[in-house]
Amino acid sequence: MNRKIKQLLIDCKAFLEPHKVAWNDAEQLTQRIEKAFKEDAYSTKHTNHIREVVCDYYGVTLEQIHSKTRRTEIVVPRQIICHLLREYTPLGIEDIGLQVNRHYSTVLHALETIDNYRETDKVFAATYILIEEML
């Protein structure tokens, strides 16, 4: 579930707790929920596209990305997917972890690692930009 939908559910709870919901409030809340679900549908489509682009670029399969392997040729594309999902989708850390079959702490490590690679390795930074342009 994306961050916006989670926030909407929190807002719903806040509206409903006093048991008095003004019609305007309910109408606005409904519109926000509809918008969040439309964005979530776009996010799912975009998530698949990001994974496909990175897998194609590195010549790996989605099954390999989801596998338990720690081989560099699989780990780096997996980390890039995590970083791109964080930048380009409203997914939370745990949801990104589900996309690559990893725990949220591994996603946090991946985000930090890719940031470090981009700052210290010019070749990697250029590769990352190239992949971004392919999206």
C-alpha atoms as a PDB file:
ATOM      1  CA  MET A   1       0.000   0.000   0.000  1.00  0.00           C
ATOM      2  CA  ASN A   2       1.468   3.356  -0.916  1.00  0.00           C
ATOM      3  CA  ARG A   3       2.186   6.168   1.511  1.00  0.00           C
ATOM      4  CA  LYS A   4      -0.671   8.373   0.280  1.00  0.00           C
ATOM      5  CA  ILE A   5      -3.287   5.676   0.848  1.00  0.00           C
ATOM      6  CA  LYS A   6      -1.926   5.015   4.331  1.00  0.00           C
ATOM      7  CA  GLN A   7      -2.195   8.728   5.112  1.00  0.00           C
ATOM      8  CA  LEU A   8      -5.757   8.792   3.795  1.00  0.00           C
ATOM      9  CA  LEU A   9      -6.702   5.933   6.092  1.00  0.00           C
ATOM     10  CA  ILE A  10      -5.252   7.841   9.036  1.00  0.00           C
ATOM     11  CA  ASP A  11      -7.285  10.890   7.960  1.00  0.00           C
ATOM     12  CA  CYS A  12     -10.421   8.716   7.707  1.00  0.00           C
ATOM     13  CA  LYS A  13      -9.914   7.543  11.242  1.00  0.00           C
ATOM     14  CA  ALA A  14      -9.500  11.130  12.435  1.00  0.00           C
ATOM     15  CA  PHE A  15     -12.719  12.148  10.651  1.00  0.00           C
ATOM     16  CA  LEU A  16     -14.711   9.238  12.006  1.00  0.00           C
ATOM     17  CA  GLU A  17     -13.539   9.266  15.629  1.00  0.00           C
ATOM     18  CA  PRO A  18     -15.822  12.128  16.732  1.00  0.00           C
ATOM     19  CA  HIS A  19     -18.719  10.401  14.840  1.00  0.00           C
ATOM     20  CA  LYS A  20     -19.574  13.665  13.149  1.00  0.00           C
ATOM     21  CA  VAL A  21     -18.553  13.944   9.543  1.00  0.00           C
ATOM     22  CA  ALA A  22     -19.565  17.021   7.596  1.00  0.00           C
ATOM     23  CA  TRP A  23     -20.736  16.341   4.038  1.00  0.00           C
ATOM     24  CA  ASN A  24     -17.947  18.533   2.583  1.00  0.00           C
ATOM     25  CA  ASP A  25     -15.329  16.636   4.570  1.00  0.00           C
ATOM     26  CA  ALA A  26     -16.676  13.286   3.382  1.00  0.00           C
ATOM     27  CA  GLU A  27     -16.791  14.484  -0.230  1.00  0.00           C
ATOM     28  CA  GLN A  28     -13.207  15.774  -0.101  1.00  0.00           C
ATOM     29  CA  LEU A  29     -12.037  12.573   1.523  1.00  0.00           C
ATOM     30  CA  THR A  30     -13.733  10.493  -1.179  1.00  0.00           C
ATOM     31  CA  GLN A  31     -12.009  12.526  -3.899  1.00  0.00           C
ATOM     32  CA  ARG A  32      -8.623  12.109  -2.210  1.00  0.00           C
ATOM     33  CA  ILE A  33      -9.138   8.348  -1.901  1.00  0.00           C
ATOM     34  CA  GLU A  34     -10.109   8.042  -5.584  1.00  0.00           C
ATOM     35  CA  LYS A  35      -7.045  10.062  -6.613  1.00  0.00           C
ATOM     36  CA  ALA A  36      -4.759   7.945  -4.409  1.00  0.00           C
ATOM     37  CA  PHE A  37      -6.061   4.708  -5.930  1.00  0.00           C
ATOM     38  CA  LYS A  38      -5.550   6.049  -9.460  1.00  0.00           C
ATOM     39  CA  GLU A  39      -1.978   7.017  -8.527  1.00  0.00           C
ATOM     40  CA  ASP A  40      -1.485   3.576  -6.989  1.00  0.00           C
ATOM     41  CA  ALA A  41      -2.555   1.937 -10.266  1.00  0.00           C
ATOM     42  CA  TYR A  42      -0.072   4.151 -12.143  1.00  0.00           C
ATOM     43  CA  SER A  43       2.573   3.293  -9.554  1.00  0.00           C
ATOM     44  CA  THR A  44       2.096  -0.438 -10.159  1.00  0.00           C
ATOM     45  CA  LYS A  45       2.499   0.058 -13.895  1.00  0.00           C
ATOM     46  CA  HIS A  46       5.554   2.272 -13.366  1.00  0.00           C
ATOM     47  CA  THR A  47       7.030  -0.193 -10.854  1.00  0.00           C
ATOM     48  CA  ASN A  48       6.904  -2.988 -13.424  1.00  0.00           C
ATOM     49  CA  HIS A  49       8.466  -0.713 -16.036  1.00  0.00           C
ATOM     50  CA  ILE A  50      11.365   0.215 -13.731  1.00  0.00           C
ATOM     51  CA  ARG A  51      12.061  -3.433 -12.953  1.00  0.00           C
ATOM     52  CA  GLU A  52      11.916  -4.392 -16.650  1.00  0.00           C
ATOM     53  CA  VAL A  53      14.257  -1.581 -17.746  1.00  0.00           C
ATOM     54  CA  VAL A  54      16.896  -2.404 -15.122  1.00  0.00           C
ATOM     55  CA  CYS A  55      16.662  -6.152 -15.775  1.00  0.00           C
ATOM     56  CA  ASP A  56      16.990  -5.620 -19.537  1.00  0.00           C
ATOM     57  CA  TYR A  57      19.951  -3.269 -19.115  1.00  0.00           C
ATOM     58  CA  TYR A  58      21.872  -5.716 -16.924  1.00  0.00           C
ATOM     59  CA  GLY A  59      20.688  -8.858 -18.733  1.00  0.00           C
ATOM     60  CA  VAL A  60      19.149 -10.464 -15.652  1.00  0.00           C
ATOM     61  CA  THR A  61      15.693 -11.881 -15.044  1.00  0.00           C
ATOM     62  CA  LEU A  62      13.167 -10.845 -12.458  1.00  0.00           C
ATOM     63  CA  GLU A  63      13.511 -14.333 -10.958  1.00  0.00           C
ATOM     64  CA  GLN A  64      17.210 -13.649 -10.393  1.00  0.00           C
ATOM     65  CA  ILE A  65      16.375 -10.301  -8.765  1.00  0.00           C
ATOM     66  CA  HIS A  66      13.986 -12.111  -6.408  1.00  0.00           C
ATOM     67  CA  SER A  67      16.449 -14.914  -5.691  1.00  0.00           C
ATOM     68  CA  LYS A  68      18.548 -15.202  -2.546  1.00  0.00           C
ATOM     69  CA  THR A  69      21.842 -14.812  -4.402  1.00  0.00           C
ATOM     70  CA  ARG A  70      24.439 -12.279  -3.282  1.00  0.00           C
ATOM     71  CA  ARG A  71      26.352 -12.270  -6.569  1.00  0.00           C
ATOM     72  CA  THR A  72      27.382  -8.738  -7.539  1.00  0.00           C
ATOM     73  CA  GLU A  73      25.896  -9.053 -11.026  1.00  0.00           C
ATOM     74  CA  ILE A  74      22.475  -9.551  -9.383  1.00  0.00           C
ATOM     75  CA  VAL A  75      22.861  -7.406  -6.257  1.00  0.00           C
ATOM     76  CA  VAL A  76      23.714  -4.177  -8.093  1.00  0.00           C
ATOM     77  CA  PRO A  77      20.652  -4.248 -10.396  1.00  0.00           C
ATOM     78  CA  ARG A  78      18.497  -5.143  -7.370  1.00  0.00           C
ATOM     79  CA  GLN A  79      19.871  -2.141  -5.473  1.00  0.00           C
ATOM     80  CA  ILE A  80      19.316   0.131  -8.466  1.00  0.00           C
ATOM     81  CA  ILE A  81      15.708  -1.042  -8.692  1.00  0.00           C
ATOM     82  CA  CYS A  82      15.223  -0.201  -5.017  1.00  0.00           C
ATOM     83  CA  HIS A  83      16.706   3.265  -5.505  1.00  0.00           C
ATOM     84  CA  LEU A  84      14.642   4.027  -8.605  1.00  0.00           C
ATOM     85  CA  LEU A  85      11.446   2.785  -6.953  1.00  0.00           C
ATOM     86  CA  ARG A  86      12.101   5.107  -4.021  1.00  0.00           C
ATOM     87  CA  GLU A  87      12.718   8.076  -6.331  1.00  0.00           C
ATOM     88  CA  TYR A  88       9.951   7.531  -8.866  1.00  0.00           C
ATOM     89  CA  THR A  89       7.091   5.865  -7.003  1.00  0.00           C
ATOM     90  CA  PRO A  90       5.133   6.607  -3.836  1.00  0.00           C
ATOM     91  CA  LEU A  91       6.017   3.172  -2.436  1.00  0.00           C
ATOM     92  CA  GLY A  92       7.255   2.922   1.126  1.00  0.00           C
ATOM     93  CA  ILE A  93      10.427   1.095   2.114  1.00  0.00           C
ATOM     94  CA  GLU A  94       8.581  -2.101   3.094  1.00  0.00           C
ATOM     95  CA  ASP A  95       6.634  -2.103  -0.187  1.00  0.00           C
ATOM     96  CA  ILE A  96       9.848  -1.682  -2.160  1.00  0.00           C
ATOM     97  CA  GLY A  97      11.224  -4.657  -0.257  1.00  0.00           C
ATOM     98  CA  LEU A  98       8.261  -6.721  -1.431  1.00  0.00           C
ATOM     99  CA  GLN A  99       9.038  -5.747  -5.039  1.00  0.00           C
ATOM    100  CA  VAL A 100      12.523  -7.279  -4.801  1.00  0.00           C
ATOM    101  CA  ASN A 101      11.815 -10.005  -2.222  1.00  0.00           C
ATOM    102  CA  ARG A 102      13.919  -8.364   0.497  1.00  0.00           C
ATOM    103  CA  HIS A 103      13.520  -7.086   4.067  1.00  0.00           C
ATOM    104  CA  TYR A 104      13.086  -3.337   4.507  1.00  0.00           C
ATOM    105  CA  SER A 105      16.501  -3.060   6.184  1.00  0.00           C
ATOM    106  CA  THR A 106      18.102  -4.458   3.021  1.00  0.00           C
ATOM    107  CA  VAL A 107      16.268  -1.780   1.019  1.00  0.00           C
ATOM    108  CA  LEU A 108      17.626   0.928   3.327  1.00  0.00           C
ATOM    109  CA  HIS A 109      21.136  -0.452   2.815  1.00  0.00           C
ATOM    110  CA  ALA A 110      20.586  -0.517  -0.962  1.00  0.00           C
ATOM    111  CA  LEU A 111      19.502   3.134  -0.991  1.00  0.00           C
ATOM    112  CA  GLU A 112      22.586   4.172   0.953  1.00  0.00           C
ATOM    113  CA  THR A 113      24.891   2.024  -1.198  1.00  0.00           C
ATOM    114  CA  ILE A 114      23.595   3.454  -4.479  1.00  0.00           C
ATOM    115  CA  ASP A 115      23.923   7.006  -3.150  1.00  0.00           C
ATOM    116  CA  ASN A 116      27.543   6.245  -2.221  1.00  0.00           C
ATOM    117  CA  TYR A 117      28.291   4.669  -5.614  1.00  0.00           C
ATOM    118  CA  ARG A 118      26.816   7.667  -7.412  1.00  0.00           C
ATOM    119  CA  GLU A 119      28.984  10.072  -5.424  1.00  0.00           C
ATOM    120  CA  THR A 120      32.265   8.161  -5.679  1.00  0.00           C
ATOM    121  CA  ASP A 121      32.169   6.266  -8.996  1.00  0.00           C
ATOM    122  CA  LYS A 122      31.768   8.395 -12.123  1.00  0.00           C
ATOM    123  CA  VAL A 123      31.224   5.396 -14.389  1.00  0.00           C
ATOM    124  CA  PHE A 124      28.468   4.081 -12.128  1.00  0.00           C
ATOM    125  CA  ALA A 125      26.906   7.566 -11.932  1.00  0.00           C
ATOM    126  CA  ALA A 126      26.827   7.742 -15.740  1.00  0.00           C
ATOM    127  CA  THR A 127      25.267   4.271 -15.918  1.00  0.00           C
ATOM    128  CA  TYR A 128      22.611   5.267 -13.396  1.00  0.00           C
ATOM    129  CA  ILE A 129      21.753   8.402 -15.396  1.00  0.00           C
ATOM    130  CA  LEU A 130      21.525   6.312 -18.583  1.00  0.00           C
ATOM    131  CA  ILE A 131      19.085   3.926 -16.901  1.00  0.00           C
ATOM    132  CA  GLU A 132      17.037   6.872 -15.592  1.00  0.00           C
ATOM    133  CA  GLU A 133      16.794   8.252 -19.138  1.00  0.00           C
ATOM    134  CA  MET A 134      15.489   4.880 -20.331  1.00  0.00           C
ATOM    135  CA  LEU A 135      12.499   5.129 -17.966  1.00  0.00           C
END
